[in-house]
N, C-alpha and C. Protein backbone atom coordinates (compact mmCIF):
# COMPACT_ATOMS: atom_id res chain seq x y z
N UNK A 1 -8.13 14.23 14.89
CA UNK A 1 -7.82 14.10 13.48
C UNK A 1 -6.80 15.17 13.11
N UNK A 2 -5.77 14.77 12.41
CA UNK A 2 -4.76 15.75 12.01
C UNK A 2 -5.24 16.53 10.78
N UNK A 3 -4.77 17.77 10.64
CA UNK A 3 -5.18 18.57 9.48
C UNK A 3 -4.61 18.01 8.17
N UNK A 4 -5.30 18.27 7.10
CA UNK A 4 -4.81 17.96 5.76
C UNK A 4 -3.85 19.07 5.37
N UNK A 5 -2.67 18.72 4.88
CA UNK A 5 -1.68 19.71 4.47
C UNK A 5 -1.77 19.96 2.97
N UNK A 6 -1.99 21.22 2.63
CA UNK A 6 -1.98 21.66 1.24
C UNK A 6 -0.73 22.51 1.07
N UNK A 7 0.17 22.09 0.20
CA UNK A 7 1.41 22.82 -0.04
C UNK A 7 1.41 23.30 -1.48
N UNK A 8 1.69 24.59 -1.64
CA UNK A 8 1.77 25.19 -2.97
C UNK A 8 3.18 25.72 -3.15
N UNK A 9 3.83 25.32 -4.24
CA UNK A 9 5.18 25.78 -4.54
C UNK A 9 5.11 26.62 -5.81
N UNK A 10 5.65 27.81 -5.73
CA UNK A 10 5.67 28.72 -6.87
C UNK A 10 7.00 29.44 -6.93
N UNK A 11 7.05 30.51 -7.69
CA UNK A 11 8.26 31.32 -7.80
C UNK A 11 7.86 32.73 -8.22
N UNK A 12 8.66 33.72 -7.86
CA UNK A 12 8.38 35.07 -8.32
C UNK A 12 8.43 35.13 -9.85
N UNK A 13 7.67 36.06 -10.42
CA UNK A 13 7.60 36.21 -11.87
C UNK A 13 8.20 37.56 -12.25
N UNK A 14 9.15 37.55 -13.17
CA UNK A 14 9.76 38.79 -13.64
C UNK A 14 8.88 39.40 -14.72
N UNK A 15 8.47 40.64 -14.47
CA UNK A 15 7.67 41.38 -15.44
C UNK A 15 8.41 42.68 -15.75
N UNK A 16 9.22 42.64 -16.78
CA UNK A 16 10.03 43.82 -17.10
C UNK A 16 11.01 44.08 -15.98
N UNK A 17 11.08 45.33 -15.52
CA UNK A 17 12.05 45.66 -14.48
C UNK A 17 11.63 45.24 -13.07
N UNK A 18 10.40 44.83 -12.89
CA UNK A 18 9.95 44.45 -11.54
C UNK A 18 9.69 42.95 -11.43
N UNK A 19 9.68 42.48 -10.19
CA UNK A 19 9.39 41.08 -9.90
C UNK A 19 8.09 41.02 -9.12
N UNK A 20 7.17 40.18 -9.56
CA UNK A 20 5.87 40.05 -8.88
C UNK A 20 5.80 38.70 -8.17
N UNK A 21 5.17 38.70 -7.02
CA UNK A 21 5.02 37.49 -6.22
C UNK A 21 3.59 36.97 -6.36
N UNK A 22 3.16 36.80 -7.60
CA UNK A 22 1.77 36.45 -7.92
C UNK A 22 1.35 35.13 -7.29
N UNK A 23 2.19 34.09 -7.37
CA UNK A 23 1.80 32.78 -6.84
C UNK A 23 1.62 32.83 -5.33
N UNK A 24 2.45 33.60 -4.64
CA UNK A 24 2.30 33.74 -3.19
C UNK A 24 0.97 34.42 -2.86
N UNK A 25 0.64 35.47 -3.61
CA UNK A 25 -0.62 36.19 -3.39
C UNK A 25 -1.82 35.29 -3.66
N UNK A 26 -1.79 34.56 -4.77
CA UNK A 26 -2.90 33.65 -5.09
C UNK A 26 -3.00 32.51 -4.08
N UNK A 27 -1.88 32.03 -3.61
CA UNK A 27 -1.88 30.96 -2.61
C UNK A 27 -2.50 31.44 -1.31
N UNK A 28 -2.24 32.69 -0.94
CA UNK A 28 -2.86 33.25 0.27
C UNK A 28 -4.38 33.31 0.09
N UNK A 29 -4.83 33.67 -1.10
CA UNK A 29 -6.27 33.72 -1.36
C UNK A 29 -6.87 32.31 -1.29
N UNK A 30 -6.19 31.32 -1.90
CA UNK A 30 -6.66 29.93 -1.83
C UNK A 30 -6.73 29.48 -0.38
N UNK A 31 -5.71 29.81 0.40
CA UNK A 31 -5.69 29.45 1.81
C UNK A 31 -6.87 30.03 2.57
N UNK A 32 -7.20 31.28 2.29
CA UNK A 32 -8.35 31.93 2.93
C UNK A 32 -9.64 31.21 2.58
N UNK A 33 -9.79 30.84 1.31
CA UNK A 33 -11.00 30.11 0.88
C UNK A 33 -11.11 28.76 1.59
N UNK A 34 -10.01 28.04 1.67
CA UNK A 34 -10.03 26.72 2.31
C UNK A 34 -10.25 26.84 3.82
N UNK A 35 -9.64 27.84 4.46
CA UNK A 35 -9.82 28.03 5.90
C UNK A 35 -11.28 28.39 6.20
N UNK A 36 -11.89 29.18 5.33
CA UNK A 36 -13.30 29.55 5.52
C UNK A 36 -14.19 28.30 5.47
N UNK A 37 -13.84 27.37 4.60
CA UNK A 37 -14.65 26.17 4.43
C UNK A 37 -14.33 25.09 5.47
N UNK A 38 -13.04 24.88 5.74
CA UNK A 38 -12.63 23.73 6.56
C UNK A 38 -12.04 24.11 7.92
N UNK A 39 -11.91 25.37 8.21
CA UNK A 39 -11.33 25.85 9.48
C UNK A 39 -9.97 25.21 9.73
N UNK A 40 -9.79 24.65 10.92
CA UNK A 40 -8.49 24.09 11.31
C UNK A 40 -8.22 22.70 10.74
N UNK A 41 -9.15 22.17 9.96
CA UNK A 41 -8.96 20.83 9.40
C UNK A 41 -8.01 20.83 8.21
N UNK A 42 -7.63 22.04 7.74
CA UNK A 42 -6.73 22.17 6.60
C UNK A 42 -5.64 23.18 6.93
N UNK A 43 -4.40 22.84 6.59
CA UNK A 43 -3.29 23.79 6.71
C UNK A 43 -2.76 24.04 5.31
N UNK A 44 -2.62 25.32 4.96
CA UNK A 44 -2.11 25.70 3.64
C UNK A 44 -0.78 26.41 3.83
N UNK A 45 0.22 25.97 3.09
CA UNK A 45 1.54 26.60 3.15
C UNK A 45 2.01 26.88 1.73
N UNK A 46 2.63 28.06 1.56
CA UNK A 46 3.22 28.42 0.28
C UNK A 46 4.73 28.44 0.45
N UNK A 47 5.44 27.93 -0.55
CA UNK A 47 6.89 28.00 -0.57
C UNK A 47 7.35 28.52 -1.91
N UNK A 48 8.28 29.46 -1.87
CA UNK A 48 8.95 29.88 -3.09
C UNK A 48 9.93 28.77 -3.44
N UNK A 49 10.06 28.46 -4.70
CA UNK A 49 10.92 27.38 -5.16
C UNK A 49 12.34 27.50 -4.60
N UNK A 50 12.80 28.72 -4.36
CA UNK A 50 14.18 28.92 -3.94
C UNK A 50 14.32 29.13 -2.43
N UNK A 51 13.22 29.02 -1.67
CA UNK A 51 13.30 29.15 -0.22
C UNK A 51 13.95 27.90 0.38
N UNK A 52 14.73 28.09 1.46
CA UNK A 52 15.38 26.94 2.09
C UNK A 52 14.38 25.88 2.59
N UNK A 53 13.21 26.27 3.03
CA UNK A 53 12.24 25.32 3.58
C UNK A 53 11.36 24.64 2.55
N UNK A 54 11.59 24.92 1.28
CA UNK A 54 10.76 24.34 0.21
C UNK A 54 10.87 22.82 0.25
N UNK A 55 9.72 22.12 0.25
CA UNK A 55 9.78 20.64 0.27
C UNK A 55 10.39 20.11 -1.01
N UNK A 56 10.91 18.89 -0.98
CA UNK A 56 11.48 18.30 -2.19
C UNK A 56 10.41 18.16 -3.27
N UNK A 57 10.80 18.46 -4.48
CA UNK A 57 9.88 18.33 -5.61
C UNK A 57 9.95 16.92 -6.18
N UNK A 58 8.90 16.49 -6.86
CA UNK A 58 8.92 15.16 -7.47
C UNK A 58 10.10 15.04 -8.45
N UNK A 59 10.55 13.82 -8.65
CA UNK A 59 11.71 13.59 -9.50
C UNK A 59 11.44 13.89 -10.97
N UNK A 60 10.18 13.70 -11.41
CA UNK A 60 9.89 14.03 -12.81
C UNK A 60 9.79 15.55 -12.95
N UNK A 61 9.85 16.05 -14.13
CA UNK A 61 9.86 17.49 -14.37
C UNK A 61 8.54 18.11 -13.92
N UNK A 62 8.59 18.88 -12.88
CA UNK A 62 7.39 19.53 -12.35
C UNK A 62 7.31 20.96 -12.87
N UNK A 63 6.10 21.40 -13.13
CA UNK A 63 5.87 22.78 -13.52
C UNK A 63 5.27 23.52 -12.34
N UNK A 64 5.48 24.81 -12.32
CA UNK A 64 4.91 25.64 -11.26
C UNK A 64 3.63 26.29 -11.75
N UNK A 65 2.69 26.51 -10.86
CA UNK A 65 2.71 26.15 -9.46
C UNK A 65 2.47 24.65 -9.27
N UNK A 66 3.09 24.13 -8.24
CA UNK A 66 2.92 22.73 -7.88
C UNK A 66 2.03 22.69 -6.64
N UNK A 67 0.98 21.90 -6.68
CA UNK A 67 0.08 21.77 -5.53
C UNK A 67 0.14 20.33 -5.04
N UNK A 68 0.45 20.18 -3.75
CA UNK A 68 0.49 18.86 -3.13
C UNK A 68 -0.50 18.82 -1.98
N UNK A 69 -1.22 17.72 -1.86
CA UNK A 69 -2.15 17.52 -0.76
C UNK A 69 -1.66 16.29 0.01
N UNK A 70 -1.32 16.52 1.26
CA UNK A 70 -0.74 15.47 2.11
C UNK A 70 0.43 14.77 1.43
N UNK A 71 1.29 15.57 0.79
CA UNK A 71 2.52 15.05 0.19
C UNK A 71 2.38 14.45 -1.19
N UNK A 72 1.16 14.36 -1.70
CA UNK A 72 0.94 13.79 -3.04
C UNK A 72 0.66 14.92 -4.02
N UNK A 73 1.26 14.84 -5.21
CA UNK A 73 1.07 15.87 -6.22
C UNK A 73 -0.38 15.84 -6.70
N UNK A 74 -1.03 17.00 -6.61
CA UNK A 74 -2.39 17.15 -7.13
C UNK A 74 -2.33 17.76 -8.52
N UNK A 75 -1.61 18.88 -8.66
CA UNK A 75 -1.46 19.51 -9.96
C UNK A 75 -0.04 20.03 -10.11
N UNK A 76 0.38 20.12 -11.36
CA UNK A 76 1.71 20.64 -11.69
C UNK A 76 1.54 21.53 -12.90
N UNK A 77 1.71 22.84 -12.69
CA UNK A 77 1.50 23.80 -13.77
C UNK A 77 0.04 24.20 -13.88
N UNK A 78 -0.22 25.18 -14.67
CA UNK A 78 -1.60 25.63 -14.89
C UNK A 78 -2.08 26.57 -13.80
N UNK A 79 -3.37 26.53 -13.56
CA UNK A 79 -4.00 27.44 -12.59
C UNK A 79 -4.15 26.77 -11.23
N UNK A 80 -4.31 27.59 -10.20
CA UNK A 80 -4.68 27.07 -8.89
C UNK A 80 -6.19 26.93 -8.87
N UNK A 81 -6.68 25.72 -8.71
CA UNK A 81 -8.11 25.44 -8.75
C UNK A 81 -8.63 25.10 -7.35
N UNK A 82 -9.38 26.03 -6.76
CA UNK A 82 -9.96 25.78 -5.44
C UNK A 82 -10.89 24.57 -5.47
N UNK A 83 -11.78 24.44 -6.48
CA UNK A 83 -12.65 23.26 -6.50
C UNK A 83 -11.88 21.94 -6.55
N UNK A 84 -10.80 21.89 -7.31
CA UNK A 84 -10.00 20.68 -7.40
C UNK A 84 -9.31 20.38 -6.07
N UNK A 85 -8.80 21.42 -5.42
CA UNK A 85 -8.16 21.24 -4.11
C UNK A 85 -9.21 20.80 -3.09
N UNK A 86 -10.41 21.39 -3.14
CA UNK A 86 -11.49 20.98 -2.22
C UNK A 86 -11.80 19.49 -2.37
N UNK A 87 -11.89 19.03 -3.61
CA UNK A 87 -12.19 17.61 -3.83
C UNK A 87 -11.11 16.72 -3.22
N UNK A 88 -9.86 17.13 -3.36
CA UNK A 88 -8.76 16.34 -2.78
C UNK A 88 -8.81 16.37 -1.26
N UNK A 89 -9.13 17.51 -0.70
CA UNK A 89 -9.25 17.63 0.76
C UNK A 89 -10.40 16.76 1.26
N UNK A 90 -11.52 16.79 0.56
CA UNK A 90 -12.68 16.00 0.97
C UNK A 90 -12.44 14.51 0.75
N UNK A 91 -11.61 14.17 -0.23
CA UNK A 91 -11.26 12.76 -0.42
C UNK A 91 -10.45 12.25 0.77
N UNK A 92 -9.82 13.18 1.49
CA UNK A 92 -9.07 12.82 2.70
C UNK A 92 -10.02 12.76 3.90
N UNK A 93 -11.31 12.76 3.64
CA UNK A 93 -12.37 12.64 4.62
C UNK A 93 -12.54 13.86 5.52
N UNK A 94 -12.25 15.04 4.98
CA UNK A 94 -12.52 16.27 5.71
C UNK A 94 -13.86 16.80 5.25
N UNK A 95 -14.75 17.04 6.19
CA UNK A 95 -16.09 17.53 5.88
C UNK A 95 -16.10 19.04 6.04
N UNK A 96 -16.66 19.77 5.07
CA UNK A 96 -16.71 21.22 5.19
C UNK A 96 -17.48 21.66 6.43
N UNK A 97 -17.02 22.72 7.06
CA UNK A 97 -17.74 23.27 8.21
C UNK A 97 -18.82 24.24 7.76
N UNK A 98 -18.72 24.69 6.51
CA UNK A 98 -19.76 25.54 5.92
C UNK A 98 -20.18 24.90 4.61
N UNK A 99 -21.43 25.07 4.20
CA UNK A 99 -21.87 24.47 2.94
C UNK A 99 -21.04 24.97 1.76
N UNK A 100 -20.67 24.08 0.88
CA UNK A 100 -19.90 24.44 -0.32
C UNK A 100 -20.84 24.36 -1.51
N UNK A 101 -21.05 25.50 -2.21
CA UNK A 101 -21.92 25.44 -3.37
C UNK A 101 -21.27 24.58 -4.46
N UNK A 102 -22.06 23.77 -5.11
CA UNK A 102 -21.50 22.94 -6.17
C UNK A 102 -21.50 23.72 -7.47
N UNK A 103 -20.35 23.69 -8.15
CA UNK A 103 -20.21 24.33 -9.43
C UNK A 103 -19.01 23.73 -10.14
N UNK A 104 -18.96 23.86 -11.42
CA UNK A 104 -17.87 23.29 -12.21
C UNK A 104 -16.62 24.14 -12.07
N UNK A 105 -15.47 23.54 -12.36
CA UNK A 105 -14.18 24.27 -12.34
C UNK A 105 -14.20 25.44 -13.27
């Protein structure tokens, strides 16, 4: 079985004189959570909007962060939701390797 691909696209955020890479940091945390639950059955990749390897964005106006699961847009804008991403991964028939506590978003 091939892994489910979770792709998160974000961009650095300017905060006064400095630039923060908040979406990259949060995406790494999301990736750790998903790897803990699904091991090698899920691959998580983060792309900065301006990186050369960034996948093509949907033609309609997308907001960041953009989350795609197996090439389909899951969310556009707002927060990164691990429970929502888990549901999409499990809809792709990936079974958690560790029990996932049920709780609301």
